[in-house]
PDB file of N, CA and C in Angstrom:
ATOM      1  N   MET A   1     -65.919 116.582  56.884  1.00  0.00           N
ATOM      2  CA  MET A   1     -66.189 117.891  57.420  1.00  0.00           C
ATOM      3  C   MET A   1     -65.411 118.069  58.728  1.00  0.00           C
ATOM      4  N   LEU A   2     -64.867 119.243  58.918  1.00  0.00           N
ATOM      5  CA  LEU A   2     -64.103 119.571  60.110  1.00  0.00           C
ATOM      6  C   LEU A   2     -64.862 120.627  60.903  1.00  0.00           C
ATOM      7  N   GLU A   3     -65.095 120.362  62.177  1.00  0.00           N
ATOM      8  CA  GLU A   3     -65.712 121.343  63.062  1.00  0.00           C
ATOM      9  C   GLU A   3     -64.741 121.648  64.195  1.00  0.00           C
ATOM     10  N   ILE A   4     -64.470 122.921  64.416  1.00  0.00           N
ATOM     11  CA  ILE A   4     -63.629 123.329  65.532  1.00  0.00           C
ATOM     12  C   ILE A   4     -64.545 123.466  66.745  1.00  0.00           C
ATOM     13  N   LEU A   5     -64.248 122.718  67.799  1.00  0.00           N
ATOM     14  CA  LEU A   5     -65.110 122.674  68.977  1.00  0.00           C
ATOM     15  C   LEU A   5     -64.839 123.827  69.930  1.00  0.00           C
ATOM     16  N   LYS A   6     -65.839 124.136  70.747  1.00  0.00           N
ATOM     17  CA  LYS A   6     -65.759 125.268  71.684  1.00  0.00           C
ATOM     18  C   LYS A   6     -64.658 125.095  72.724  1.00  0.00           C
ATOM     19  N   GLU A   7     -64.203 123.889  72.953  1.00  0.00           N
ATOM     20  CA  GLU A   7     -63.143 123.645  73.929  1.00  0.00           C
ATOM     21  C   GLU A   7     -61.781 124.179  73.465  1.00  0.00           C
ATOM     22  N   THR A   8     -61.673 124.558  72.198  1.00  0.00           N
ATOM     23  CA  THR A   8     -60.414 125.087  71.668  1.00  0.00           C
ATOM     24  C   THR A   8     -60.088 126.390  72.379  1.00  0.00           C
ATOM     25  N   GLU A   9     -59.002 126.345  73.153  1.00  0.00           N
ATOM     26  CA  GLU A   9     -58.593 127.506  73.948  1.00  0.00           C
ATOM     27  C   GLU A   9     -57.146 127.304  74.392  1.00  0.00           C
ATOM     28  N   GLY A  10     -56.395 128.386  74.431  1.00  0.00           N
ATOM     29  CA  GLY A  10     -54.997 128.285  74.844  1.00  0.00           C
ATOM     30  C   GLY A  10     -54.251 127.330  73.936  1.00  0.00           C
ATOM     31  N   ASP A  11     -53.522 126.375  74.540  1.00  0.00           N
ATOM     32  CA  ASP A  11     -52.747 125.422  73.746  1.00  0.00           C
ATOM     33  C   ASP A  11     -53.537 124.185  73.347  1.00  0.00           C
ATOM     34  N   LEU A  12     -54.843 124.198  73.584  1.00  0.00           N
ATOM     35  CA  LEU A  12     -55.701 123.057  73.247  1.00  0.00           C
ATOM     36  C   LEU A  12     -56.472 123.327  71.961  1.00  0.00           C
ATOM     37  N   VAL A  13     -56.346 122.407  71.012  1.00  0.00           N
ATOM     38  CA  VAL A  13     -57.140 122.422  69.787  1.00  0.00           C
ATOM     39  C   VAL A  13     -58.084 121.233  69.877  1.00  0.00           C
ATOM     40  N   ALA A  14     -59.382 121.493  69.771  1.00  0.00           N
ATOM     41  CA  ALA A  14     -60.393 120.441  69.838  1.00  0.00           C
ATOM     42  C   ALA A  14     -61.218 120.480  68.556  1.00  0.00           C
ATOM     43  N   VAL A  15     -61.243 119.346  67.857  1.00  0.00           N
ATOM     44  CA  VAL A  15     -61.984 119.273  66.603  1.00  0.00           C
ATOM     45  C   VAL A  15     -62.809 117.997  66.555  1.00  0.00           C
ATOM     46  N   GLN A  16     -63.865 118.075  65.754  1.00  0.00           N
ATOM     47  CA  GLN A  16     -64.636 116.879  65.427  1.00  0.00           C
ATOM     48  C   GLN A  16     -64.628 116.747  63.916  1.00  0.00           C
ATOM     49  N   VAL A  17     -64.323 115.550  63.435  1.00  0.00           N
ATOM     50  CA  VAL A  17     -64.349 115.290  62.009  1.00  0.00           C
ATOM     51  C   VAL A  17     -65.448 114.279  61.717  1.00  0.00           C
ATOM     52  N   SER A  18     -66.075 114.468  60.552  1.00  0.00           N
ATOM     53  CA  SER A  18     -67.122 113.549  60.123  1.00  0.00           C
ATOM     54  C   SER A  18     -67.077 113.454  58.605  1.00  0.00           C
ATOM     55  N   GLY A  19     -67.666 112.405  58.090  1.00  0.00           N
ATOM     56  CA  GLY A  19     -67.637 112.217  56.647  1.00  0.00           C
ATOM     57  C   GLY A  19     -66.217 112.036  56.155  1.00  0.00           C
ATOM     58  N   LYS A  20     -65.898 112.651  55.031  1.00  0.00           N
ATOM     59  CA  LYS A  20     -64.563 112.550  54.438  1.00  0.00           C
ATOM     60  C   LYS A  20     -63.933 113.932  54.427  1.00  0.00           C
ATOM     61  N   LEU A  21     -62.717 114.051  54.987  1.00  0.00           N
ATOM     62  CA  LEU A  21     -62.028 115.339  55.020  1.00  0.00           C
ATOM     63  C   LEU A  21     -61.497 115.712  53.644  1.00  0.00           C
ATOM     64  N   THR A  22     -61.709 116.965  53.288  1.00  0.00           N
ATOM     65  CA  THR A  22     -61.240 117.485  52.009  1.00  0.00           C
ATOM     66  C   THR A  22     -59.954 118.278  52.229  1.00  0.00           C
ATOM     67  N   GLU A  23     -59.332 118.695  51.146  1.00  0.00           N
ATOM     68  CA  GLU A  23     -58.142 119.537  51.256  1.00  0.00           C
ATOM     69  C   GLU A  23     -58.489 120.863  51.942  1.00  0.00           C
ATOM     70  N   ARG A  24     -59.664 121.400  51.669  1.00  0.00           N
ATOM     71  CA  ARG A  24     -60.087 122.651  52.316  1.00  0.00           C
ATOM     72  C   ARG A  24     -60.217 122.461  53.834  1.00  0.00           C
ATOM     73  N   ASP A  25     -60.814 121.347  54.267  1.00  0.00           N
ATOM     74  CA  ASP A  25     -60.911 121.053  55.702  1.00  0.00           C
ATOM     75  C   ASP A  25     -59.522 120.991  56.311  1.00  0.00           C
ATOM     76  N   PHE A  26     -58.635 120.261  55.644  1.00  0.00           N
ATOM     77  CA  PHE A  26     -57.292 120.106  56.184  1.00  0.00           C
ATOM     78  C   PHE A  26     -56.543 121.432  56.224  1.00  0.00           C
ATOM     79  N   ASP A  27     -56.765 122.302  55.223  1.00  0.00           N
ATOM     80  CA  ASP A  27     -56.127 123.620  55.236  1.00  0.00           C
ATOM     81  C   ASP A  27     -56.533 124.404  56.479  1.00  0.00           C
ATOM     82  N   ARG A  28     -57.822 124.408  56.825  1.00  0.00           N
ATOM     83  CA  ARG A  28     -58.298 125.097  58.038  1.00  0.00           C
ATOM     84  C   ARG A  28     -57.644 124.508  59.281  1.00  0.00           C
ATOM     85  N   TYR A  29     -57.581 123.201  59.354  1.00  0.00           N
ATOM     86  CA  TYR A  29     -57.006 122.477  60.483  1.00  0.00           C
ATOM     87  C   TYR A  29     -55.519 122.808  60.630  1.00  0.00           C
ATOM     88  N   ARG A  30     -54.801 122.737  59.517  1.00  0.00           N
ATOM     89  CA  ARG A  30     -53.363 123.001  59.522  1.00  0.00           C
ATOM     90  C   ARG A  30     -53.051 124.433  59.939  1.00  0.00           C
ATOM     91  N   VAL A  31     -53.824 125.412  59.457  1.00  0.00           N
ATOM     92  CA  VAL A  31     -53.609 126.813  59.831  1.00  0.00           C
ATOM     93  C   VAL A  31     -53.807 126.986  61.337  1.00  0.00           C
ATOM     94  N   LEU A  32     -54.865 126.395  61.879  1.00  0.00           N
ATOM     95  CA  LEU A  32     -55.124 126.497  63.315  1.00  0.00           C
ATOM     96  C   LEU A  32     -53.984 125.864  64.120  1.00  0.00           C
ATOM     97  N   LEU A  33     -53.540 124.675  63.734  1.00  0.00           N
ATOM     98  CA  LEU A  33     -52.453 124.017  64.457  1.00  0.00           C
ATOM     99  C   LEU A  33     -51.171 124.840  64.405  1.00  0.00           C
ATOM    100  N   ARG A  34     -50.841 125.362  63.236  1.00  0.00           N
ATOM    101  CA  ARG A  34     -49.620 126.171  63.114  1.00  0.00           C
ATOM    102  C   ARG A  34     -49.691 127.430  63.967  1.00  0.00           C
ATOM    103  N   GLU A  35     -50.856 128.079  64.011  1.00  0.00           N
ATOM    104  CA  GLU A  35     -51.009 129.279  64.841  1.00  0.00           C
ATOM    105  C   GLU A  35     -50.777 128.934  66.306  1.00  0.00           C
ATOM    106  N   LYS A  36     -51.365 127.850  66.772  1.00  0.00           N
ATOM    107  CA  LYS A  36     -51.218 127.439  68.171  1.00  0.00           C
ATOM    108  C   LYS A  36     -49.773 127.029  68.467  1.00  0.00           C
ATOM    109  N   MET A  37     -49.139 126.323  67.528  1.00  0.00           N
ATOM    110  CA  MET A  37     -47.746 125.911  67.728  1.00  0.00           C
ATOM    111  C   MET A  37     -46.830 127.125  67.793  1.00  0.00           C
ATOM    112  N   ALA A  38     -47.112 128.139  66.976  1.00  0.00           N
ATOM    113  CA  ALA A  38     -46.301 129.361  66.996  1.00  0.00           C
ATOM    114  C   ALA A  38     -46.441 130.080  68.338  1.00  0.00           C
ATOM    115  N   LEU A  39     -47.636 130.048  68.911  1.00  0.00           N
ATOM    116  CA  LEU A  39     -47.873 130.727  70.193  1.00  0.00           C
ATOM    117  C   LEU A  39     -47.357 129.945  71.394  1.00  0.00           C
ATOM    118  N   TYR A  40     -47.527 128.614  71.378  1.00  0.00           N
ATOM    119  CA  TYR A  40     -47.280 127.813  72.576  1.00  0.00           C
ATOM    120  C   TYR A  40     -46.125 126.816  72.450  1.00  0.00           C
ATOM    121  N   GLY A  41     -45.585 126.630  71.277  1.00  0.00           N
ATOM    122  CA  GLY A  41     -44.539 125.623  71.101  1.00  0.00           C
ATOM    123  C   GLY A  41     -45.159 124.246  70.954  1.00  0.00           C
ATOM    124  N   GLU A  42     -45.548 123.651  72.053  1.00  0.00           N
ATOM    125  CA  GLU A  42     -46.245 122.367  72.053  1.00  0.00           C
ATOM    126  C   GLU A  42     -47.729 122.605  72.286  1.00  0.00           C
ATOM    127  N   ILE A  43     -48.549 121.757  71.667  1.00  0.00           N
ATOM    128  CA  ILE A  43     -49.997 121.890  71.843  1.00  0.00           C
ATOM    129  C   ILE A  43     -50.612 120.560  72.246  1.00  0.00           C
ATOM    130  N   ARG A  44     -51.835 120.641  72.717  1.00  0.00           N
ATOM    131  CA  ARG A  44     -52.661 119.457  72.998  1.00  0.00           C
ATOM    132  C   ARG A  44     -53.728 119.385  71.910  1.00  0.00           C
ATOM    133  N   LEU A  45     -54.076 118.175  71.492  1.00  0.00           N
ATOM    134  CA  LEU A  45     -55.072 117.984  70.439  1.00  0.00           C
ATOM    135  C   LEU A  45     -56.117 116.978  70.894  1.00  0.00           C
ATOM    136  N   TYR A  46     -57.369 117.399  70.838  1.00  0.00           N
ATOM    137  CA  TYR A  46     -58.510 116.507  71.054  1.00  0.00           C
ATOM    138  C   TYR A  46     -59.137 116.307  69.676  1.00  0.00           C
ATOM    139  N   PHE A  47     -59.121 115.069  69.164  1.00  0.00           N
ATOM    140  CA  PHE A  47     -59.529 114.754  67.793  1.00  0.00           C
ATOM    141  C   PHE A  47     -60.650 113.727  67.855  1.00  0.00           C
ATOM    142  N   GLU A  48     -61.871 114.188  67.642  1.00  0.00           N
ATOM    143  CA  GLU A  48     -63.061 113.351  67.772  1.00  0.00           C
ATOM    144  C   GLU A  48     -63.544 112.933  66.381  1.00  0.00           C
ATOM    145  N   MET A  49     -63.716 111.624  66.168  1.00  0.00           N
ATOM    146  CA  MET A  49     -64.155 111.090  64.881  1.00  0.00           C
ATOM    147  C   MET A  49     -65.583 110.571  65.014  1.00  0.00           C
ATOM    148  N   ARG A  50     -66.513 111.271  64.387  1.00  0.00           N
ATOM    149  CA  ARG A  50     -67.939 110.919  64.456  1.00  0.00           C
ATOM    150  C   ARG A  50     -68.428 110.643  63.036  1.00  0.00           C
ATOM    151  N   SER A  51     -68.791 109.406  62.755  1.00  0.00           N
ATOM    152  CA  SER A  51     -69.200 109.019  61.397  1.00  0.00           C
ATOM    153  C   SER A  51     -68.133 109.424  60.380  1.00  0.00           C
ATOM    154  N   PHE A  52     -66.889 109.289  60.789  1.00  0.00           N
ATOM    155  CA  PHE A  52     -65.747 109.695  59.977  1.00  0.00           C
ATOM    156  C   PHE A  52     -65.360 108.557  59.047  1.00  0.00           C
ATOM    157  N   THR A  53     -65.222 108.880  57.759  1.00  0.00           N
ATOM    158  CA  THR A  53     -64.898 107.841  56.787  1.00  0.00           C
ATOM    159  C   THR A  53     -63.483 107.974  56.237  1.00  0.00           C
ATOM    160  N   GLY A  54     -62.771 109.050  56.586  1.00  0.00           N
ATOM    161  CA  GLY A  54     -61.382 109.178  56.168  1.00  0.00           C
ATOM    162  C   GLY A  54     -61.091 110.479  55.453  1.00  0.00           C
ATOM    163  N   TRP A  55     -59.988 110.459  54.711  1.00  0.00           N
ATOM    164  CA  TRP A  55     -59.495 111.640  54.012  1.00  0.00           C
ATOM    165  C   TRP A  55     -59.613 111.412  52.524  1.00  0.00           C
ATOM    166  N   LYS A  56     -59.783 112.485  51.778  1.00  0.00           N
ATOM    167  CA  LYS A  56     -59.621 112.393  50.326  1.00  0.00           C
ATOM    168  C   LYS A  56     -58.128 112.194  50.087  1.00  0.00           C
ATOM    169  N   PRO A  57     -57.733 111.523  49.001  1.00  0.00           N
ATOM    170  CA  PRO A  57     -56.322 111.153  48.812  1.00  0.00           C
ATOM    171  C   PRO A  57     -55.308 112.283  49.040  1.00  0.00           C
ATOM    172  N   GLY A  58     -55.516 113.446  48.469  1.00  0.00           N
ATOM    173  CA  GLY A  58     -54.564 114.547  48.651  1.00  0.00           C
ATOM    174  C   GLY A  58     -54.482 114.994  50.093  1.00  0.00           C
ATOM    175  N   SER A  59     -55.616 114.995  50.771  1.00  0.00           N
ATOM    176  CA  SER A  59     -55.654 115.413  52.171  1.00  0.00           C
ATOM    177  C   SER A  59     -54.906 114.430  53.057  1.00  0.00           C
ATOM    178  N   PHE A  60     -55.032 113.143  52.762  1.00  0.00           N
ATOM    179  CA  PHE A  60     -54.333 112.136  53.551  1.00  0.00           C
ATOM    180  C   PHE A  60     -52.823 112.341  53.479  1.00  0.00           C
ATOM    181  N   LEU A  61     -52.332 112.556  52.276  1.00  0.00           N
ATOM    182  CA  LEU A  61     -50.900 112.759  52.094  1.00  0.00           C
ATOM    183  C   LEU A  61     -50.427 114.031  52.801  1.00  0.00           C
ATOM    184  N   GLU A  62     -51.186 115.118  52.671  1.00  0.00           N
ATOM    185  CA  GLU A  62     -50.832 116.370  53.355  1.00  0.00           C
ATOM    186  C   GLU A  62     -50.807 116.170  54.865  1.00  0.00           C
ATOM    187  N   ASN A  63     -51.781 115.442  55.386  1.00  0.00           N
ATOM    188  CA  ASN A  63     -51.847 115.185  56.824  1.00  0.00           C
ATOM    189  C   ASN A  63     -50.628 114.392  57.281  1.00  0.00           C
ATOM    190  N   ALA A  64     -50.267 113.371  56.522  1.00  0.00           N
ATOM    191  CA  ALA A  64     -49.108 112.553  56.879  1.00  0.00           C
ATOM    192  C   ALA A  64     -47.824 113.387  56.880  1.00  0.00           C
ATOM    193  N   LEU A  65     -47.650 114.216  55.878  1.00  0.00           N
ATOM    194  CA  LEU A  65     -46.457 115.067  55.815  1.00  0.00           C
ATOM    195  C   LEU A  65     -46.430 116.079  56.956  1.00  0.00           C
ATOM    196  N   PHE A  66     -47.575 116.671  57.262  1.00  0.00           N
ATOM    197  CA  PHE A  66     -47.657 117.627  58.367  1.00  0.00           C
ATOM    198  C   PHE A  66     -47.247 116.951  59.676  1.00  0.00           C
ATOM    199  N   ASP A  67     -47.769 115.743  59.906  1.00  0.00           N
ATOM    200  CA  ASP A  67     -47.431 115.008  61.126  1.00  0.00           C
ATOM    201  C   ASP A  67     -45.949 114.670  61.199  1.00  0.00           C
ATOM    202  N   LEU A  68     -45.358 114.307  60.076  1.00  0.00           N
ATOM    203  CA  LEU A  68     -43.924 113.999  60.080  1.00  0.00           C
ATOM    204  C   LEU A  68     -43.091 115.218  60.453  1.00  0.00           C
ATOM    205  N   VAL A  69     -43.467 116.382  59.938  1.00  0.00           N
ATOM    206  CA  VAL A  69     -42.710 117.607  60.200  1.00  0.00           C
ATOM    207  C   VAL A  69     -42.961 118.132  61.610  1.00  0.00           C
ATOM    208  N   HIS A  70     -44.203 118.077  62.068  1.00  0.00           N
ATOM    209  CA  HIS A  70     -44.583 118.728  63.331  1.00  0.00           C
ATOM    210  C   HIS A  70     -44.933 117.748  64.461  1.00  0.00           C
ATOM    211  N   GLY A  71     -44.702 116.471  64.248  1.00  0.00           N
ATOM    212  CA  GLY A  71     -45.140 115.456  65.211  1.00  0.00           C
ATOM    213  C   GLY A  71     -44.692 115.675  66.642  1.00  0.00           C
ATOM    214  N   ARG A  72     -43.502 116.196  66.853  1.00  0.00           N
ATOM    215  CA  ARG A  72     -42.992 116.382  68.213  1.00  0.00           C
ATOM    216  C   ARG A  72     -43.540 117.632  68.896  1.00  0.00           C
ATOM    217  N   LYS A  73     -44.324 118.405  68.190  1.00  0.00           N
ATOM    218  CA  LYS A  73     -44.908 119.615  68.779  1.00  0.00           C
ATOM    219  C   LYS A  73     -46.263 119.339  69.423  1.00  0.00           C
ATOM    220  N   PHE A  74     -46.672 118.065  69.425  1.00  0.00           N
ATOM    221  CA  PHE A  74     -47.912 117.673  70.082  1.00  0.00           C
ATOM    222  C   PHE A  74     -47.568 117.156  71.471  1.00  0.00           C
ATOM    223  N   ARG A  75     -48.024 117.860  72.483  1.00  0.00           N
ATOM    224  CA  ARG A  75     -47.733 117.437  73.857  1.00  0.00           C
ATOM    225  C   ARG A  75     -48.567 116.219  74.232  1.00  0.00           C
ATOM    226  N   LYS A  76     -49.842 116.255  73.867  1.00  0.00           N
ATOM    227  CA  LYS A  76     -50.755 115.141  74.104  1.00  0.00           C
ATOM    228  C   LYS A  76     -51.789 115.148  72.992  1.00  0.00           C
ATOM    229  N   VAL A  77     -52.227 113.956  72.602  1.00  0.00           N
ATOM    230  CA  VAL A  77     -53.280 113.832  71.601  1.00  0.00           C
ATOM    231  C   VAL A  77     -54.279 112.793  72.090  1.00  0.00           C
ATOM    232  N   ALA A  78     -55.534 113.195  72.170  1.00  0.00           N
ATOM    233  CA  ALA A  78     -56.628 112.267  72.483  1.00  0.00           C
ATOM    234  C   ALA A  78     -57.418 112.056  71.207  1.00  0.00           C
ATOM    235  N   MET A  79     -57.440 110.818  70.725  1.00  0.00           N
ATOM    236  CA  MET A  79     -58.226 110.486  69.541  1.00  0.00           C
ATOM    237  C   MET A  79     -59.409 109.633  69.981  1.00  0.00           C
ATOM    238  N   VAL A  80     -60.601 110.097  69.663  1.00  0.00           N
ATOM    239  CA  VAL A  80     -61.837 109.412  70.058  1.00  0.00           C
ATOM    240  C   VAL A  80     -62.516 108.907  68.796  1.00  0.00           C
ATOM    241  N   GLY A  81     -62.817 107.615  68.765  1.00  0.00           N
ATOM    242  CA  GLY A  81     -63.408 107.059  67.560  1.00  0.00           C
ATOM    243  C   GLY A  81     -64.449 105.998  67.816  1.00  0.00           C
ATOM    244  N   GLU A  82     -64.993 105.516  66.702  1.00  0.00           N
ATOM    245  CA  GLU A  82     -66.097 104.554  66.739  1.00  0.00           C
ATOM    246  C   GLU A  82     -65.758 103.225  66.068  1.00  0.00           C
ATOM    247  N   LYS A  83     -64.628 103.181  65.355  1.00  0.00           N
ATOM    248  CA  LYS A  83     -64.345 102.016  64.519  1.00  0.00           C
ATOM    249  C   LYS A  83     -62.934 101.483  64.776  1.00  0.00           C
ATOM    250  N   ASP A  84     -62.753 100.194  64.489  1.00  0.00           N
ATOM    251  CA  ASP A  84     -61.447  99.565  64.694  1.00  0.00           C
ATOM    252  C   ASP A  84     -60.347 100.231  63.880  1.00  0.00           C
ATOM    253  N   TRP A  85     -60.618 100.631  62.635  1.00  0.00           N
ATOM    254  CA  TRP A  85     -59.579 101.241  61.809  1.00  0.00           C
ATOM    255  C   TRP A  85     -59.113 102.566  62.411  1.00  0.00           C
ATOM    256  N   GLN A  86     -59.984 103.236  63.181  1.00  0.00           N
ATOM    257  CA  GLN A  86     -59.603 104.496  63.818  1.00  0.00           C
ATOM    258  C   GLN A  86     -58.612 104.242  64.952  1.00  0.00           C
ATOM    259  N   ARG A  87     -58.786 103.153  65.655  1.00  0.00           N
ATOM    260  CA  ARG A  87     -57.815 102.763  66.688  1.00  0.00           C
ATOM    261  C   ARG A  87     -56.458 102.487  66.028  1.00  0.00           C
ATOM    262  N   TRP A  88     -56.479 101.803  64.895  1.00  0.00           N
ATOM    263  CA  TRP A  88     -55.260 101.506  64.142  1.00  0.00           C
ATOM    264  C   TRP A  88     -54.603 102.812  63.672  1.00  0.00           C
ATOM    265  N   ALA A  89     -55.401 103.754  63.168  1.00  0.00           N
ATOM    266  CA  ALA A  89     -54.872 105.051  62.716  1.00  0.00           C
ATOM    267  C   ALA A  89     -54.230 105.809  63.879  1.00  0.00           C
ATOM    268  N   ALA A  90     -54.828 105.709  65.058  1.00  0.00           N
ATOM    269  CA  ALA A  90     -54.257 106.363  66.244  1.00  0.00           C
ATOM    270  C   ALA A  90     -52.895 105.750  66.568  1.00  0.00           C
ATOM    271  N   GLY A  91     -52.760 104.457  66.384  1.00  0.00           N
ATOM    272  CA  GLY A  91     -51.472 103.800  66.609  1.00  0.00           C
ATOM    273  C   GLY A  91     -50.401 104.310  65.656  1.00  0.00           C
ATOM    274  N   LEU A  92     -50.764 104.527  64.397  1.00  0.00           N
ATOM    275  CA  LEU A  92     -49.812 105.093  63.429  1.00  0.00           C
ATOM    276  C   LEU A  92     -49.460 106.525  63.808  1.00  0.00           C
ATOM    277  N   ALA A  93     -50.458 107.310  64.204  1.00  0.00           N
ATOM    278  CA  ALA A  93     -50.217 108.703  64.606  1.00  0.00           C
ATOM    279  C   ALA A  93     -49.275 108.746  65.808  1.00  0.00           C
ATOM    280  N   ASP A  94     -49.393 107.778  66.695  1.00  0.00           N
ATOM    281  CA  ASP A  94     -48.553 107.732  67.887  1.00  0.00           C
ATOM    282  C   ASP A  94     -47.076 107.616  67.526  1.00  0.00           C
ATOM    283  N   VAL A  95     -46.778 106.917  66.449  1.00  0.00           N
ATOM    284  CA  VAL A  95     -45.393 106.737  66.020  1.00  0.00           C
ATOM    285  C   VAL A  95     -44.766 108.084  65.654  1.00  0.00           C
ATOM    286  N   VAL A  96     -45.471 108.895  64.856  1.00  0.00           N
ATOM    287  CA  VAL A  96     -44.899 110.170  64.419  1.00  0.00           C
ATOM    288  C   VAL A  96     -45.091 111.293  65.430  1.00  0.00           C
ATOM    289  N   LYS A  97     -45.955 111.058  66.402  1.00  0.00           N
ATOM    290  CA  LYS A  97     -46.173 112.073  67.436  1.00  0.00           C
ATOM    291  C   LYS A  97     -45.472 111.681  68.737  1.00  0.00           C
ATOM    292  N   ALA A  98     -44.396 110.970  68.607  1.00  0.00           N
ATOM    293  CA  ALA A  98     -43.481 110.665  69.712  1.00  0.00           C
ATOM    294  C   ALA A  98     -44.150 110.000  70.910  1.00  0.00           C
ATOM    295  N   GLY A  99     -45.064 109.078  70.660  1.00  0.00           N
ATOM    296  CA  GLY A  99     -45.677 108.325  71.751  1.00  0.00           C
ATOM    297  C   GLY A  99     -46.605 109.132  72.632  1.00  0.00           C
ATOM    298  N   ARG A 100     -47.214 110.153  72.074  1.00  0.00           N
ATOM    299  CA  ARG A 100     -48.059 111.052  72.876  1.00  0.00           C
ATOM    300  C   ARG A 100     -49.535 110.924  72.552  1.00  0.00           C
ATOM    301  N   VAL A 101     -49.910 109.900  71.790  1.00  0.00           N
ATOM    302  CA  VAL A 101     -51.297 109.722  71.359  1.00  0.00           C
ATOM    303  C   VAL A 101     -51.959 108.643  72.202  1.00  0.00           C
ATOM    304  N   ARG A 102     -53.184 108.910  72.575  1.00  0.00           N
ATOM    305  CA  ARG A 102     -53.978 107.900  73.281  1.00  0.00           C
ATOM    306  C   ARG A 102     -55.328 107.807  72.595  1.00  0.00           C
ATOM    307  N   TYR A 103     -55.754 106.592  72.284  1.00  0.00           N
ATOM    308  CA  TYR A 103     -57.046 106.357  71.635  1.00  0.00           C
ATOM    309  C   TYR A 103     -58.095 106.031  72.693  1.00  0.00           C
ATOM    310  N   PHE A 104     -59.293 106.556  72.475  1.00  0.00           N
ATOM    311  CA  PHE A 104     -60.431 106.295  73.353  1.00  0.00           C
ATOM    312  C   PHE A 104     -61.620 105.877  72.504  1.00  0.00           C
ATOM    313  N   PRO A 105     -62.337 104.811  72.886  1.00  0.00           N
ATOM    314  CA  PRO A 105     -63.571 104.491  72.174  1.00  0.00           C
ATOM    315  C   PRO A 105     -64.633 105.558  72.479  1.00  0.00           C
ATOM    316  N   TRP A 106     -65.618 105.661  71.609  1.00  0.00           N
ATOM    317  CA  TRP A 106     -66.650 106.694  71.747  1.00  0.00           C
ATOM    318  C   TRP A 106     -67.299 106.670  73.139  1.00  0.00           C
ATOM    319  N   SER A 107     -67.464 105.504  73.722  1.00  0.00           N
ATOM    320  CA  SER A 107     -68.097 105.382  75.038  1.00  0.00           C
ATOM    321  C   SER A 107     -67.276 106.055  76.136  1.00  0.00           C
ATOM    322  N   GLU A 108     -65.989 106.338  75.872  1.00  0.00           N
ATOM    323  CA  GLU A 108     -65.110 106.981  76.855  1.00  0.00           C
ATOM    324  C   GLU A 108     -64.784 108.425  76.473  1.00  0.00           C
ATOM    325  N   ARG A 109     -65.653 109.039  75.684  1.00  0.00           N
ATOM    326  CA  ARG A 109     -65.422 110.389  75.186  1.00  0.00           C
ATOM    327  C   ARG A 109     -65.220 111.411  76.301  1.00  0.00           C
ATOM    328  N   GLU A 110     -66.018 111.368  77.331  1.00  0.00           N
ATOM    329  CA  GLU A 110     -65.890 112.326  78.435  1.00  0.00           C
ATOM    330  C   GLU A 110     -64.578 112.119  79.189  1.00  0.00           C
ATOM    331  N   PHE A 111     -64.162 110.871  79.344  1.00  0.00           N
ATOM    332  CA  PHE A 111     -62.874 110.580  79.973  1.00  0.00           C
ATOM    333  C   PHE A 111     -61.734 111.142  79.121  1.00  0.00           C
ATOM    334  N   ALA A 112     -61.862 111.008  77.794  1.00  0.00           N
ATOM    335  CA  ALA A 112     -60.837 111.543  76.884  1.00  0.00           C
ATOM    336  C   ALA A 112     -60.709 113.053  77.036  1.00  0.00           C
ATOM    337  N   LYS A 113     -61.829 113.740  77.178  1.00  0.00           N
ATOM    338  CA  LYS A 113     -61.794 115.195  77.372  1.00  0.00           C
ATOM    339  C   LYS A 113     -61.090 115.540  78.678  1.00  0.00           C
ATOM    340  N   ALA A 114     -61.388 114.794  79.725  1.00  0.00           N
ATOM    341  CA  ALA A 114     -60.735 115.040  81.016  1.00  0.00           C
ATOM    342  C   ALA A 114     -59.235 114.754  80.914  1.00  0.00           C
ATOM    343  N   TRP A 115     -58.870 113.672  80.223  1.00  0.00           N
ATOM    344  CA  TRP A 115     -57.456 113.306  80.078  1.00  0.00           C
ATOM    345  C   TRP A 115     -56.676 114.386  79.338  1.00  0.00           C
ATOM    346  N   ILE A 116     -57.245 114.930  78.256  1.00  0.00           N
ATOM    347  CA  ILE A 116     -56.515 115.928  77.482  1.00  0.00           C
ATOM    348  C   ILE A 116     -56.405 117.239  78.233  1.00  0.00           C
ATOM    349  N   MET A 117     -57.334 117.512  79.120  1.00  0.00           N
ATOM    350  CA  MET A 117     -57.291 118.764  79.905  1.00  0.00           C
ATOM    351  C   MET A 117     -56.233 118.701  80.992  1.00  0.00           C
ATOM    352  N   TYR A 118     -55.920 117.502  81.498  1.00  0.00           N
ATOM    353  CA  TYR A 118     -54.946 117.373  82.570  1.00  0.00           C
ATOM    354  C   TYR A 118     -53.536 117.470  82.002  1.00  0.00           C
ATOM    355  N   LEU A 119     -52.763 118.353  82.551  1.00  0.00           N
ATOM    356  CA  LEU A 119     -51.370 118.517  82.138  1.00  0.00           C
ATOM    357  C   LEU A 119     -50.445 118.313  83.320  1.00  0.00           C
ATOM    358  N   PRO A 120     -49.715 117.209  83.323  1.00  0.00           N
ATOM    359  CA  PRO A 120     -48.750 117.036  84.413  1.00  0.00           C
ATOM    360  C   PRO A 120     -47.637 118.067  84.255  1.00  0.00           C
ATOM    361  N   PRO A 121     -46.979 118.420  85.338  1.00  0.00           N
ATOM    362  CA  PRO A 121     -45.876 119.377  85.223  1.00  0.00           C
ATOM    363  C   PRO A 121     -44.748 118.808  84.370  1.00  0.00           C
ATOM    364  N   HIS A 122     -44.030 119.664  83.671  1.00  0.00           N
ATOM    365  CA  HIS A 122     -42.864 119.229  82.900  1.00  0.00           C
ATOM    366  C   HIS A 122     -41.838 118.672  83.868  1.00  0.00           C
ATOM    367  N   SER A 123     -41.181 117.598  83.430  1.00  0.00           N
ATOM    368  CA  SER A 123     -40.132 117.056  84.299  1.00  0.00           C
ATOM    369  C   SER A 123     -38.898 117.955  84.209  1.00  0.00           C
ATOM    370  N   ALA A 124     -38.142 117.989  85.281  1.00  0.00           N
ATOM    371  CA  ALA A 124     -36.969 118.877  85.363  1.00  0.00           C
ATOM    372  C   ALA A 124     -35.822 118.350  84.562  1.00  0.00           C
TER     373      ALA A 124
END
């Protein structure tokens, strides 16, 4: 299940995922990301995994392809999780998102929110 969080505003997309993501969940997520990318170019993503068990097979493949095509349009990504495999998944996401992903354990969730909100100035 995909829930769009109230923090979603401007170039920030904040979501919480739980259970197993379906193709319908991913379609909603992808539409939101594309809309934000069209408006802002680069976006920030706060991705919270709560009792998250993964993707249905088709959704996983769609997610991987989306990341390959749009990976450089993520300015910062905060992934918050509860399990070791989620930390590993964040490491894979970091590869296609140009080193812009940071994983936070659930106990550091508030720090992750603060980190994603902070935007250093673009370098000249």
